mmCIF file of all heavy atoms, coordinates in Angstrom:
data_MODEL
# 
_entry.id   MODEL 
# 
loop_
_atom_site.group_PDB 
_atom_site.id 
_atom_site.type_symbol 
_atom_site.label_atom_id 
_atom_site.label_alt_id 
_atom_site.label_comp_id 
_atom_site.label_asym_id 
_atom_site.label_entity_id 
_atom_site.label_seq_id 
_atom_site.pdbx_PDB_ins_code 
_atom_site.Cartn_x 
_atom_site.Cartn_y 
_atom_site.Cartn_z 
_atom_site.occupancy 
_atom_site.B_iso_or_equiv 
_atom_site.pdbx_formal_charge 
_atom_site.auth_seq_id 
_atom_site.auth_comp_id 
_atom_site.auth_asym_id 
_atom_site.auth_atom_id 
_atom_site.pdbx_PDB_model_num 
ATOM 1   N N   . THR A 1 1  ? 99.904  107.613 112.920 1.00 0.00 ? 1  THR A N   1 
ATOM 2   C CA  . THR A 1 1  ? 100.152 109.019 112.582 1.00 0.00 ? 1  THR A CA  1 
ATOM 3   C C   . THR A 1 1  ? 99.630  109.314 111.176 1.00 0.00 ? 1  THR A C   1 
ATOM 4   O O   . THR A 1 1  ? 99.175  108.436 110.470 1.00 0.00 ? 1  THR A O   1 
ATOM 5   C CB  . THR A 1 1  ? 101.671 109.298 112.682 1.00 0.00 ? 1  THR A CB  1 
ATOM 6   O OG1 . THR A 1 1  ? 102.353 108.521 111.640 1.00 0.00 ? 1  THR A OG1 1 
ATOM 7   C CG2 . THR A 1 1  ? 102.235 108.892 114.022 1.00 0.00 ? 1  THR A CG2 1 
ATOM 8   N N   . LYS A 1 2  ? 99.830  110.596 110.759 1.00 0.00 ? 2  LYS A N   1 
ATOM 9   C CA  . LYS A 1 2  ? 99.389  110.961 109.416 1.00 0.00 ? 2  LYS A CA  1 
ATOM 10  C C   . LYS A 1 2  ? 100.324 110.377 108.326 1.00 0.00 ? 2  LYS A C   1 
ATOM 11  O O   . LYS A 1 2  ? 99.965  110.388 107.165 1.00 0.00 ? 2  LYS A O   1 
ATOM 12  C CB  . LYS A 1 2  ? 99.375  112.487 109.260 1.00 0.00 ? 2  LYS A CB  1 
ATOM 13  C CG  . LYS A 1 2  ? 98.277  113.160 110.098 1.00 0.00 ? 2  LYS A CG  1 
ATOM 14  C CD  . LYS A 1 2  ? 98.244  114.644 109.863 1.00 0.00 ? 2  LYS A CD  1 
ATOM 15  C CE  . LYS A 1 2  ? 97.128  115.306 110.616 1.00 0.00 ? 2  LYS A CE  1 
ATOM 16  N NZ  . LYS A 1 2  ? 97.107  116.778 110.453 1.00 0.00 ? 2  LYS A NZ  1 
ATOM 17  N N   . LYS A 1 3  ? 101.446 109.859 108.729 1.00 0.00 ? 3  LYS A N   1 
ATOM 18  C CA  . LYS A 1 3  ? 102.348 109.193 107.813 1.00 0.00 ? 3  LYS A CA  1 
ATOM 19  C C   . LYS A 1 3  ? 102.522 107.743 108.263 1.00 0.00 ? 3  LYS A C   1 
ATOM 20  O O   . LYS A 1 3  ? 103.523 107.381 108.907 1.00 0.00 ? 3  LYS A O   1 
ATOM 21  C CB  . LYS A 1 3  ? 103.670 109.928 107.774 1.00 0.00 ? 3  LYS A CB  1 
ATOM 22  C CG  . LYS A 1 3  ? 103.541 111.346 107.197 1.00 0.00 ? 3  LYS A CG  1 
ATOM 23  C CD  . LYS A 1 3  ? 104.945 112.013 107.093 1.00 0.00 ? 3  LYS A CD  1 
ATOM 24  C CE  . LYS A 1 3  ? 104.775 113.389 106.413 1.00 0.00 ? 3  LYS A CE  1 
ATOM 25  N NZ  . LYS A 1 3  ? 106.083 114.084 106.223 1.00 0.00 ? 3  LYS A NZ  1 
ATOM 26  N N   . PRO A 1 4  ? 101.528 106.902 107.972 1.00 0.00 ? 4  PRO A N   1 
ATOM 27  C CA  . PRO A 1 4  ? 101.566 105.525 108.476 1.00 0.00 ? 4  PRO A CA  1 
ATOM 28  C C   . PRO A 1 4  ? 102.767 104.724 107.993 1.00 0.00 ? 4  PRO A C   1 
ATOM 29  O O   . PRO A 1 4  ? 103.244 103.820 108.701 1.00 0.00 ? 4  PRO A O   1 
ATOM 30  C CB  . PRO A 1 4  ? 100.270 104.903 107.938 1.00 0.00 ? 4  PRO A CB  1 
ATOM 31  C CG  . PRO A 1 4  ? 99.828  105.817 106.818 1.00 0.00 ? 4  PRO A CG  1 
ATOM 32  C CD  . PRO A 1 4  ? 100.327 107.172 107.182 1.00 0.00 ? 4  PRO A CD  1 
ATOM 33  N N   . TYR A 1 5  ? 103.305 105.061 106.789 1.00 0.00 ? 5  TYR A N   1 
ATOM 34  C CA  . TYR A 1 5  ? 104.477 104.341 106.292 1.00 0.00 ? 5  TYR A CA  1 
ATOM 35  C C   . TYR A 1 5  ? 105.677 104.519 107.170 1.00 0.00 ? 5  TYR A C   1 
ATOM 36  O O   . TYR A 1 5  ? 106.509 103.607 107.291 1.00 0.00 ? 5  TYR A O   1 
ATOM 37  C CB  . TYR A 1 5  ? 104.765 104.775 104.860 1.00 0.00 ? 5  TYR A CB  1 
ATOM 38  C CG  . TYR A 1 5  ? 104.805 106.250 104.636 1.00 0.00 ? 5  TYR A CG  1 
ATOM 39  C CD1 . TYR A 1 5  ? 105.996 106.990 104.693 1.00 0.00 ? 5  TYR A CD1 1 
ATOM 40  C CD2 . TYR A 1 5  ? 103.636 106.962 104.309 1.00 0.00 ? 5  TYR A CD2 1 
ATOM 41  C CE1 . TYR A 1 5  ? 106.016 108.346 104.516 1.00 0.00 ? 5  TYR A CE1 1 
ATOM 42  C CE2 . TYR A 1 5  ? 103.625 108.328 104.126 1.00 0.00 ? 5  TYR A CE2 1 
ATOM 43  C CZ  . TYR A 1 5  ? 104.820 109.016 104.181 1.00 0.00 ? 5  TYR A CZ  1 
ATOM 44  O OH  . TYR A 1 5  ? 104.863 110.372 104.035 1.00 0.00 ? 5  TYR A OH  1 
ATOM 45  N N   . LEU A 1 6  ? 105.782 105.654 107.818 1.00 0.00 ? 6  LEU A N   1 
ATOM 46  C CA  . LEU A 1 6  ? 106.893 105.885 108.782 1.00 0.00 ? 6  LEU A CA  1 
ATOM 47  C C   . LEU A 1 6  ? 106.650 105.168 110.088 1.00 0.00 ? 6  LEU A C   1 
ATOM 48  O O   . LEU A 1 6  ? 107.537 104.626 110.712 1.00 0.00 ? 6  LEU A O   1 
ATOM 49  C CB  . LEU A 1 6  ? 107.108 107.390 109.043 1.00 0.00 ? 6  LEU A CB  1 
ATOM 50  C CG  . LEU A 1 6  ? 107.465 108.236 107.837 1.00 0.00 ? 6  LEU A CG  1 
ATOM 51  C CD1 . LEU A 1 6  ? 107.676 109.703 108.274 1.00 0.00 ? 6  LEU A CD1 1 
ATOM 52  C CD2 . LEU A 1 6  ? 108.716 107.721 107.192 1.00 0.00 ? 6  LEU A CD2 1 
ATOM 53  N N   . LYS A 1 7  ? 105.366 105.150 110.547 1.00 0.00 ? 7  LYS A N   1 
ATOM 54  C CA  . LYS A 1 7  ? 105.048 104.437 111.741 1.00 0.00 ? 7  LYS A CA  1 
ATOM 55  C C   . LYS A 1 7  ? 105.288 102.949 111.571 1.00 0.00 ? 7  LYS A C   1 
ATOM 56  O O   . LYS A 1 7  ? 105.764 102.256 112.545 1.00 0.00 ? 7  LYS A O   1 
ATOM 57  C CB  . LYS A 1 7  ? 103.533 104.667 112.094 1.00 0.00 ? 7  LYS A CB  1 
ATOM 58  C CG  . LYS A 1 7  ? 103.159 104.077 113.452 1.00 0.00 ? 7  LYS A CG  1 
ATOM 59  C CD  . LYS A 1 7  ? 103.852 104.811 114.607 1.00 0.00 ? 7  LYS A CD  1 
ATOM 60  C CE  . LYS A 1 7  ? 103.376 104.313 115.966 1.00 0.00 ? 7  LYS A CE  1 
ATOM 61  N NZ  . LYS A 1 7  ? 104.032 105.015 117.053 1.00 0.00 ? 7  LYS A NZ  1 
ATOM 62  N N   . PHE A 1 8  ? 105.004 102.374 110.402 1.00 0.00 ? 8  PHE A N   1 
ATOM 63  C CA  . PHE A 1 8  ? 105.239 100.968 110.157 1.00 0.00 ? 8  PHE A CA  1 
ATOM 64  C C   . PHE A 1 8  ? 106.734 100.643 110.191 1.00 0.00 ? 8  PHE A C   1 
ATOM 65  O O   . PHE A 1 8  ? 107.125 99.540  110.636 1.00 0.00 ? 8  PHE A O   1 
ATOM 66  C CB  . PHE A 1 8  ? 104.654 100.574 108.838 1.00 0.00 ? 8  PHE A CB  1 
ATOM 67  C CG  . PHE A 1 8  ? 103.161 100.587 108.771 1.00 0.00 ? 8  PHE A CG  1 
ATOM 68  C CD1 . PHE A 1 8  ? 102.478 100.874 107.583 1.00 0.00 ? 8  PHE A CD1 1 
ATOM 69  C CD2 . PHE A 1 8  ? 102.406 100.339 109.904 1.00 0.00 ? 8  PHE A CD2 1 
ATOM 70  C CE1 . PHE A 1 8  ? 101.086 100.887 107.557 1.00 0.00 ? 8  PHE A CE1 1 
ATOM 71  C CE2 . PHE A 1 8  ? 101.015 100.373 109.878 1.00 0.00 ? 8  PHE A CE2 1 
ATOM 72  C CZ  . PHE A 1 8  ? 100.339 100.636 108.692 1.00 0.00 ? 8  PHE A CZ  1 
ATOM 73  N N   . ILE A 1 9  ? 107.566 101.566 109.759 1.00 0.00 ? 9  ILE A N   1 
ATOM 74  C CA  . ILE A 1 9  ? 109.002 101.329 109.859 1.00 0.00 ? 9  ILE A CA  1 
ATOM 75  C C   . ILE A 1 9  ? 109.421 101.238 111.313 1.00 0.00 ? 9  ILE A C   1 
ATOM 76  O O   . ILE A 1 9  ? 110.241 100.392 111.681 1.00 0.00 ? 9  ILE A O   1 
ATOM 77  C CB  . ILE A 1 9  ? 109.739 102.457 109.092 1.00 0.00 ? 9  ILE A CB  1 
ATOM 78  C CG1 . ILE A 1 9  ? 109.514 102.388 107.589 1.00 0.00 ? 9  ILE A CG1 1 
ATOM 79  C CG2 . ILE A 1 9  ? 111.297 102.340 109.409 1.00 0.00 ? 9  ILE A CG2 1 
ATOM 80  C CD1 . ILE A 1 9  ? 110.159 103.526 106.828 1.00 0.00 ? 9  ILE A CD1 1 
ATOM 81  N N   . GLU A 1 10 ? 108.889 102.154 112.108 1.00 0.00 ? 10 GLU A N   1 
ATOM 82  C CA  . GLU A 1 10 ? 109.184 102.175 113.557 1.00 0.00 ? 10 GLU A CA  1 
ATOM 83  C C   . GLU A 1 10 ? 108.785 100.827 114.191 1.00 0.00 ? 10 GLU A C   1 
ATOM 84  O O   . GLU A 1 10 ? 109.550 100.224 114.962 1.00 0.00 ? 10 GLU A O   1 
ATOM 85  C CB  . GLU A 1 10 ? 108.439 103.311 114.192 1.00 0.00 ? 10 GLU A CB  1 
ATOM 86  C CG  . GLU A 1 10 ? 108.657 103.448 115.681 1.00 0.00 ? 10 GLU A CG  1 
ATOM 87  C CD  . GLU A 1 10 ? 107.840 104.544 116.290 1.00 0.00 ? 10 GLU A CD  1 
ATOM 88  O OE1 . GLU A 1 10 ? 107.631 105.532 115.625 1.00 0.00 ? 10 GLU A OE1 1 
ATOM 89  O OE2 . GLU A 1 10 ? 107.341 104.360 117.445 1.00 0.00 ? 10 GLU A OE2 1 
ATOM 90  N N   . LEU A 1 11 ? 107.583 100.356 113.862 1.00 0.00 ? 11 LEU A N   1 
ATOM 91  C CA  . LEU A 1 11 ? 107.129 99.061  114.447 1.00 0.00 ? 11 LEU A CA  1 
ATOM 92  C C   . LEU A 1 11 ? 107.906 97.861  113.947 1.00 0.00 ? 11 LEU A C   1 
ATOM 93  O O   . LEU A 1 11 ? 108.146 96.908  114.651 1.00 0.00 ? 11 LEU A O   1 
ATOM 94  C CB  . LEU A 1 11 ? 105.637 98.897  114.090 1.00 0.00 ? 11 LEU A CB  1 
ATOM 95  C CG  . LEU A 1 11 ? 104.672 99.833  114.787 1.00 0.00 ? 11 LEU A CG  1 
ATOM 96  C CD1 . LEU A 1 11 ? 103.268 99.696  114.229 1.00 0.00 ? 11 LEU A CD1 1 
ATOM 97  C CD2 . LEU A 1 11 ? 104.641 99.611  116.278 1.00 0.00 ? 11 LEU A CD2 1 
ATOM 98  N N   . SER A 1 12 ? 108.369 97.952  112.709 1.00 0.00 ? 12 SER A N   1 
ATOM 99  C CA  . SER A 1 12 ? 109.131 96.812  112.127 1.00 0.00 ? 12 SER A CA  1 
ATOM 100 C C   . SER A 1 12 ? 110.463 96.664  112.854 1.00 0.00 ? 12 SER A C   1 
ATOM 101 O O   . SER A 1 12 ? 110.996 95.535  112.863 1.00 0.00 ? 12 SER A O   1 
ATOM 102 C CB  . SER A 1 12 ? 109.389 97.043  110.633 1.00 0.00 ? 12 SER A CB  1 
ATOM 103 O OG  . SER A 1 12 ? 110.299 98.102  110.374 1.00 0.00 ? 12 SER A OG  1 
ATOM 104 N N   . LYS A 1 13 ? 111.012 97.693  113.426 1.00 0.00 ? 13 LYS A N   1 
ATOM 105 C CA  . LYS A 1 13 ? 112.268 97.579  114.195 1.00 0.00 ? 13 LYS A CA  1 
ATOM 106 C C   . LYS A 1 13 ? 112.069 96.707  115.447 1.00 0.00 ? 13 LYS A C   1 
ATOM 107 O O   . LYS A 1 13 ? 113.017 96.098  115.906 1.00 0.00 ? 13 LYS A O   1 
ATOM 108 C CB  . LYS A 1 13 ? 112.765 98.958  114.570 1.00 0.00 ? 13 LYS A CB  1 
ATOM 109 C CG  . LYS A 1 13 ? 113.168 99.806  113.367 1.00 0.00 ? 13 LYS A CG  1 
ATOM 110 C CD  . LYS A 1 13 ? 113.614 101.188 113.791 1.00 0.00 ? 13 LYS A CD  1 
ATOM 111 C CE  . LYS A 1 13 ? 114.013 102.045 112.597 1.00 0.00 ? 13 LYS A CE  1 
ATOM 112 N NZ  . LYS A 1 13 ? 114.356 103.434 112.984 1.00 0.00 ? 13 LYS A NZ  1 
ATOM 113 N N   . LYS A 1 14 ? 110.870 96.665  115.920 1.00 0.00 ? 14 LYS A N   1 
ATOM 114 C CA  . LYS A 1 14 ? 110.567 95.855  117.138 1.00 0.00 ? 14 LYS A CA  1 
ATOM 115 C C   . LYS A 1 14 ? 110.056 94.452  116.751 1.00 0.00 ? 14 LYS A C   1 
ATOM 116 O O   . LYS A 1 14 ? 110.409 93.450  117.376 1.00 0.00 ? 14 LYS A O   1 
ATOM 117 C CB  . LYS A 1 14 ? 109.556 96.562  118.002 1.00 0.00 ? 14 LYS A CB  1 
ATOM 118 C CG  . LYS A 1 14 ? 109.175 95.812  119.273 1.00 0.00 ? 14 LYS A CG  1 
ATOM 119 C CD  . LYS A 1 14 ? 108.183 96.603  120.150 1.00 0.00 ? 14 LYS A CD  1 
ATOM 120 C CE  . LYS A 1 14 ? 107.857 95.838  121.432 1.00 0.00 ? 14 LYS A CE  1 
ATOM 121 N NZ  . LYS A 1 14 ? 106.963 96.621  122.286 1.00 0.00 ? 14 LYS A NZ  1 
ATOM 122 N N   . TYR A 1 15 ? 109.169 94.403  115.735 1.00 0.00 ? 15 TYR A N   1 
ATOM 123 C CA  . TYR A 1 15 ? 108.484 93.168  115.449 1.00 0.00 ? 15 TYR A CA  1 
ATOM 124 C C   . TYR A 1 15 ? 108.987 92.418  114.175 1.00 0.00 ? 15 TYR A C   1 
ATOM 125 O O   . TYR A 1 15 ? 108.554 91.326  113.901 1.00 0.00 ? 15 TYR A O   1 
ATOM 126 C CB  . TYR A 1 15 ? 106.973 93.422  115.276 1.00 0.00 ? 15 TYR A CB  1 
ATOM 127 C CG  . TYR A 1 15 ? 106.349 93.922  116.547 1.00 0.00 ? 15 TYR A CG  1 
ATOM 128 C CD1 . TYR A 1 15 ? 106.008 95.258  116.661 1.00 0.00 ? 15 TYR A CD1 1 
ATOM 129 C CD2 . TYR A 1 15 ? 106.089 93.091  117.618 1.00 0.00 ? 15 TYR A CD2 1 
ATOM 130 C CE1 . TYR A 1 15 ? 105.410 95.757  117.841 1.00 0.00 ? 15 TYR A CE1 1 
ATOM 131 C CE2 . TYR A 1 15 ? 105.481 93.566  118.771 1.00 0.00 ? 15 TYR A CE2 1 
ATOM 132 C CZ  . TYR A 1 15 ? 105.165 94.917  118.873 1.00 0.00 ? 15 TYR A CZ  1 
ATOM 133 O OH  . TYR A 1 15 ? 104.601 95.367  120.040 1.00 0.00 ? 15 TYR A OH  1 
ATOM 134 N N   . GLY A 1 16 ? 109.898 93.047  113.421 1.00 0.00 ? 16 GLY A N   1 
ATOM 135 C CA  . GLY A 1 16 ? 110.393 92.411  112.215 1.00 0.00 ? 16 GLY A CA  1 
ATOM 136 C C   . GLY A 1 16 ? 109.754 92.946  110.941 1.00 0.00 ? 16 GLY A C   1 
ATOM 137 O O   . GLY A 1 16 ? 108.814 93.731  110.985 1.00 0.00 ? 16 GLY A O   1 
ATOM 138 N N   . ASP A 1 17 ? 110.268 92.510  109.812 1.00 0.00 ? 17 ASP A N   1 
ATOM 139 C CA  . ASP A 1 17 ? 109.802 93.083  108.540 1.00 0.00 ? 17 ASP A CA  1 
ATOM 140 C C   . ASP A 1 17 ? 108.478 92.526  108.114 1.00 0.00 ? 17 ASP A C   1 
ATOM 141 O O   . ASP A 1 17 ? 107.841 93.069  107.139 1.00 0.00 ? 17 ASP A O   1 
ATOM 142 C CB  . ASP A 1 17 ? 110.881 92.848  107.442 1.00 0.00 ? 17 ASP A CB  1 
ATOM 143 C CG  . ASP A 1 17 ? 111.105 91.363  107.199 1.00 0.00 ? 17 ASP A CG  1 
ATOM 144 O OD1 . ASP A 1 17 ? 110.865 90.544  108.082 1.00 0.00 ? 17 ASP A OD1 1 
ATOM 145 O OD2 . ASP A 1 17 ? 111.551 91.014  106.070 1.00 0.00 ? 17 ASP A OD2 1 
ATOM 146 N N   . ILE A 1 18 ? 107.979 91.501  108.779 1.00 0.00 ? 18 ILE A N   1 
ATOM 147 C CA  . ILE A 1 18 ? 106.620 91.029  108.539 1.00 0.00 ? 18 ILE A CA  1 
ATOM 148 C C   . ILE A 1 18 ? 105.945 91.036  109.939 1.00 0.00 ? 18 ILE A C   1 
ATOM 149 O O   . ILE A 1 18 ? 106.324 90.280  110.821 1.00 0.00 ? 18 ILE A O   1 
ATOM 150 C CB  . ILE A 1 18 ? 106.593 89.582  107.995 1.00 0.00 ? 18 ILE A CB  1 
ATOM 151 C CG1 . ILE A 1 18 ? 107.342 89.478  106.707 1.00 0.00 ? 18 ILE A CG1 1 
ATOM 152 C CG2 . ILE A 1 18 ? 105.118 89.136  107.835 1.00 0.00 ? 18 ILE A CG2 1 
ATOM 153 C CD1 . ILE A 1 18 ? 107.454 88.054  106.141 1.00 0.00 ? 18 ILE A CD1 1 
ATOM 154 N N   . PHE A 1 19 ? 104.955 91.919  110.076 1.00 0.00 ? 19 PHE A N   1 
ATOM 155 C CA  . PHE A 1 19 ? 104.261 91.934  111.396 1.00 0.00 ? 19 PHE A CA  1 
ATOM 156 C C   . PHE A 1 19 ? 102.789 92.130  111.146 1.00 0.00 ? 19 PHE A C   1 
ATOM 157 O O   . PHE A 1 19 ? 102.313 92.517  110.075 1.00 0.00 ? 19 PHE A O   1 
ATOM 158 C CB  . PHE A 1 19 ? 104.812 93.019  112.308 1.00 0.00 ? 19 PHE A CB  1 
ATOM 159 C CG  . PHE A 1 19 ? 104.597 94.391  111.877 1.00 0.00 ? 19 PHE A CG  1 
ATOM 160 C CD1 . PHE A 1 19 ? 103.402 95.089  112.191 1.00 0.00 ? 19 PHE A CD1 1 
ATOM 161 C CD2 . PHE A 1 19 ? 105.600 95.110  111.229 1.00 0.00 ? 19 PHE A CD2 1 
ATOM 162 C CE1 . PHE A 1 19 ? 103.212 96.387  111.796 1.00 0.00 ? 19 PHE A CE1 1 
ATOM 163 C CE2 . PHE A 1 19 ? 105.411 96.445  110.858 1.00 0.00 ? 19 PHE A CE2 1 
ATOM 164 C CZ  . PHE A 1 19 ? 104.225 97.107  111.142 1.00 0.00 ? 19 PHE A CZ  1 
ATOM 165 N N   . SER A 1 20 ? 101.941 91.804  112.156 1.00 0.00 ? 20 SER A N   1 
ATOM 166 C CA  . SER A 1 20 ? 100.539 91.992  112.057 1.00 0.00 ? 20 SER A CA  1 
ATOM 167 C C   . SER A 1 20 ? 100.109 93.027  113.036 1.00 0.00 ? 20 SER A C   1 
ATOM 168 O O   . SER A 1 20 ? 100.799 93.316  114.015 1.00 0.00 ? 20 SER A O   1 
ATOM 169 C CB  . SER A 1 20 ? 99.790  90.626  112.396 1.00 0.00 ? 20 SER A CB  1 
ATOM 170 O OG  . SER A 1 20 ? 100.186 90.186  113.677 1.00 0.00 ? 20 SER A OG  1 
ATOM 171 N N   . ILE A 1 21 ? 99.013  93.685  112.733 1.00 0.00 ? 21 ILE A N   1 
ATOM 172 C CA  . ILE A 1 21 ? 98.556  94.785  113.561 1.00 0.00 ? 21 ILE A CA  1 
ATOM 173 C C   . ILE A 1 21 ? 97.038  94.835  113.541 1.00 0.00 ? 21 ILE A C   1 
ATOM 174 O O   . ILE A 1 21 ? 96.422  94.646  112.502 1.00 0.00 ? 21 ILE A O   1 
ATOM 175 C CB  . ILE A 1 21 ? 99.190  96.124  113.040 1.00 0.00 ? 21 ILE A CB  1 
ATOM 176 C CG1 . ILE A 1 21 ? 98.840  97.245  113.964 1.00 0.00 ? 21 ILE A CG1 1 
ATOM 177 C CG2 . ILE A 1 21 ? 98.742  96.418  111.606 1.00 0.00 ? 21 ILE A CG2 1 
ATOM 178 C CD1 . ILE A 1 21 ? 99.617  98.560  113.618 1.00 0.00 ? 21 ILE A CD1 1 
ATOM 179 N N   . ASN A 1 22 ? 96.473  95.095  114.748 1.00 0.00 ? 22 ASN A N   1 
ATOM 180 C CA  . ASN A 1 22 ? 95.011  95.311  114.825 1.00 0.00 ? 22 ASN A CA  1 
ATOM 181 C C   . ASN A 1 22 ? 94.671  96.728  114.499 1.00 0.00 ? 22 ASN A C   1 
ATOM 182 O O   . ASN A 1 22 ? 95.075  97.650  115.143 1.00 0.00 ? 22 ASN A O   1 
ATOM 183 C CB  . ASN A 1 22 ? 94.507  94.960  116.218 1.00 0.00 ? 22 ASN A CB  1 
ATOM 184 C CG  . ASN A 1 22 ? 94.350  93.509  116.471 1.00 0.00 ? 22 ASN A CG  1 
ATOM 185 O OD1 . ASN A 1 22 ? 94.273  92.694  115.545 1.00 0.00 ? 22 ASN A OD1 1 
ATOM 186 N ND2 . ASN A 1 22 ? 94.269  93.101  117.703 1.00 0.00 ? 22 ASN A ND2 1 
ATOM 187 N N   . LEU A 1 23 ? 93.910  96.869  113.406 1.00 0.00 ? 23 LEU A N   1 
ATOM 188 C CA  . LEU A 1 23 ? 93.400  98.215  113.049 1.00 0.00 ? 23 LEU A CA  1 
ATOM 189 C C   . LEU A 1 23 ? 91.853  98.082  113.068 1.00 0.00 ? 23 LEU A C   1 
ATOM 190 O O   . LEU A 1 23 ? 91.266  97.525  112.166 1.00 0.00 ? 23 LEU A O   1 
ATOM 191 C CB  . LEU A 1 23 ? 93.893  98.616  111.673 1.00 0.00 ? 23 LEU A CB  1 
ATOM 192 C CG  . LEU A 1 23 ? 95.430  98.726  111.541 1.00 0.00 ? 23 LEU A CG  1 
ATOM 193 C CD1 . LEU A 1 23 ? 95.830  99.050  110.120 1.00 0.00 ? 23 LEU A CD1 1 
ATOM 194 C CD2 . LEU A 1 23 ? 95.945  99.806  112.466 1.00 0.00 ? 23 LEU A CD2 1 
ATOM 195 N N   . GLY A 1 24 ? 91.285  98.659  114.125 1.00 0.00 ? 24 GLY A N   1 
ATOM 196 C CA  . GLY A 1 24 ? 89.907  98.405  114.349 1.00 0.00 ? 24 GLY A CA  1 
ATOM 197 C C   . GLY A 1 24 ? 89.677  96.935  114.756 1.00 0.00 ? 24 GLY A C   1 
ATOM 198 O O   . GLY A 1 24 ? 90.439  96.449  115.600 1.00 0.00 ? 24 GLY A O   1 
ATOM 199 N N   . TYR A 1 25 ? 88.716  96.323  114.174 1.00 0.00 ? 25 TYR A N   1 
ATOM 200 C CA  . TYR A 1 25 ? 88.434  94.906  114.545 1.00 0.00 ? 25 TYR A CA  1 
ATOM 201 C C   . TYR A 1 25 ? 89.085  93.945  113.606 1.00 0.00 ? 25 TYR A C   1 
ATOM 202 O O   . TYR A 1 25 ? 88.839  92.711  113.658 1.00 0.00 ? 25 TYR A O   1 
ATOM 203 C CB  . TYR A 1 25 ? 86.903  94.692  114.589 1.00 0.00 ? 25 TYR A CB  1 
ATOM 204 C CG  . TYR A 1 25 ? 86.227  95.022  113.297 1.00 0.00 ? 25 TYR A CG  1 
ATOM 205 C CD1 . TYR A 1 25 ? 86.061  94.047  112.279 1.00 0.00 ? 25 TYR A CD1 1 
ATOM 206 C CD2 . TYR A 1 25 ? 85.706  96.279  113.079 1.00 0.00 ? 25 TYR A CD2 1 
ATOM 207 C CE1 . TYR A 1 25 ? 85.422  94.321  111.111 1.00 0.00 ? 25 TYR A CE1 1 
ATOM 208 C CE2 . TYR A 1 25 ? 85.071  96.583  111.853 1.00 0.00 ? 25 TYR A CE2 1 
ATOM 209 C CZ  . TYR A 1 25 ? 84.915  95.608  110.906 1.00 0.00 ? 25 TYR A CZ  1 
ATOM 210 O OH  . TYR A 1 25 ? 84.284  95.951  109.718 1.00 0.00 ? 25 TYR A OH  1 
ATOM 211 N N   . ARG A 1 26 ? 89.966  94.418  112.726 1.00 0.00 ? 26 ARG A N   1 
ATOM 212 C CA  . ARG A 1 26 ? 90.588  93.548  111.762 1.00 0.00 ? 26 ARG A CA  1 
ATOM 213 C C   . ARG A 1 26 ? 92.086  93.430  112.022 1.00 0.00 ? 26 ARG A C   1 
ATOM 214 O O   . ARG A 1 26 ? 92.705  94.402  112.473 1.00 0.00 ? 26 ARG A O   1 
ATOM 215 C CB  . ARG A 1 26 ? 90.356  93.988  110.325 1.00 0.00 ? 26 ARG A CB  1 
ATOM 216 C CG  . ARG A 1 26 ? 88.923  93.864  109.823 1.00 0.00 ? 26 ARG A CG  1 
ATOM 217 C CD  . ARG A 1 26 ? 88.852  94.182  108.333 1.00 0.00 ? 26 ARG A CD  1 
ATOM 218 N NE  . ARG A 1 26 ? 87.509  93.956  107.825 1.00 0.00 ? 26 ARG A NE  1 
ATOM 219 C CZ  . ARG A 1 26 ? 86.582  94.882  107.665 1.00 0.00 ? 26 ARG A CZ  1 
ATOM 220 N NH1 . ARG A 1 26 ? 86.821  96.135  108.032 1.00 0.00 ? 26 ARG A NH1 1 
ATOM 221 N NH2 . ARG A 1 26 ? 85.393  94.572  107.183 1.00 0.00 ? 26 ARG A NH2 1 
ATOM 222 N N   . ARG A 1 27 ? 92.674  92.336  111.691 1.00 0.00 ? 27 ARG A N   1 
ATOM 223 C CA  . ARG A 1 27 ? 94.090  92.120  111.791 1.00 0.00 ? 27 ARG A CA  1 
ATOM 224 C C   . ARG A 1 27 ? 94.681  92.266  110.395 1.00 0.00 ? 27 ARG A C   1 
ATOM 225 O O   . ARG A 1 27 ? 94.228  91.671  109.413 1.00 0.00 ? 27 ARG A O   1 
ATOM 226 C CB  . ARG A 1 27 ? 94.365  90.697  112.341 1.00 0.00 ? 27 ARG A CB  1 
ATOM 227 C CG  . ARG A 1 27 ? 95.792  90.534  112.852 1.00 0.00 ? 27 ARG A CG  1 
ATOM 228 C CD  . ARG A 1 27 ? 95.883  91.012  114.243 1.00 0.00 ? 27 ARG A CD  1 
ATOM 229 N NE  . ARG A 1 27 ? 97.215  90.709  114.834 1.00 0.00 ? 27 ARG A NE  1 
ATOM 230 C CZ  . ARG A 1 27 ? 97.739  91.406  115.786 1.00 0.00 ? 27 ARG A CZ  1 
ATOM 231 N NH1 . ARG A 1 27 ? 97.098  92.456  116.274 1.00 0.00 ? 27 ARG A NH1 1 
ATOM 232 N NH2 . ARG A 1 27 ? 98.921  91.075  116.293 1.00 0.00 ? 27 ARG A NH2 1 
ATOM 233 N N   . TRP A 1 28 ? 95.730  93.099  110.299 1.00 0.00 ? 28 TRP A N   1 
ATOM 234 C CA  . TRP A 1 28 ? 96.387  93.345  109.032 1.00 0.00 ? 28 TRP A CA  1 
ATOM 235 C C   . TRP A 1 28 ? 97.818  92.818  109.009 1.00 0.00 ? 28 TRP A C   1 
ATOM 236 O O   . TRP A 1 28 ? 98.447  92.778  110.086 1.00 0.00 ? 28 TRP A O   1 
ATOM 237 C CB  . TRP A 1 28 ? 96.375  94.847  108.721 1.00 0.00 ? 28 TRP A CB  1 
ATOM 238 C CG  . TRP A 1 28 ? 95.040  95.437  108.667 1.00 0.00 ? 28 TRP A CG  1 
ATOM 239 C CD1 . TRP A 1 28 ? 94.060  95.431  109.604 1.00 0.00 ? 28 TRP A CD1 1 
ATOM 240 C CD2 . TRP A 1 28 ? 94.516  96.129  107.529 1.00 0.00 ? 28 TRP A CD2 1 
ATOM 241 N NE1 . TRP A 1 28 ? 92.974  96.124  109.172 1.00 0.00 ? 28 TRP A NE1 1 
ATOM 242 C CE2 . TRP A 1 28 ? 93.198  96.595  107.921 1.00 0.00 ? 28 TRP A CE2 1 
ATOM 243 C CE3 . TRP A 1 28 ? 94.962  96.468  106.280 1.00 0.00 ? 28 TRP A CE3 1 
ATOM 244 C CZ2 . TRP A 1 28 ? 92.378  97.269  107.076 1.00 0.00 ? 28 TRP A CZ2 1 
ATOM 245 C CZ3 . TRP A 1 28 ? 94.144  97.189  105.435 1.00 0.00 ? 28 TRP A CZ3 1 
ATOM 246 C CH2 . TRP A 1 28 ? 92.866  97.558  105.814 1.00 0.00 ? 28 TRP A CH2 1 
# 
């Protein structure tokens, strides 16, 4: 979304406070 910091909070509820994510062809 336009507010990625809020999206990351949403994802952290499922994957934990340290998670990885594919953005394009890179893993972050």
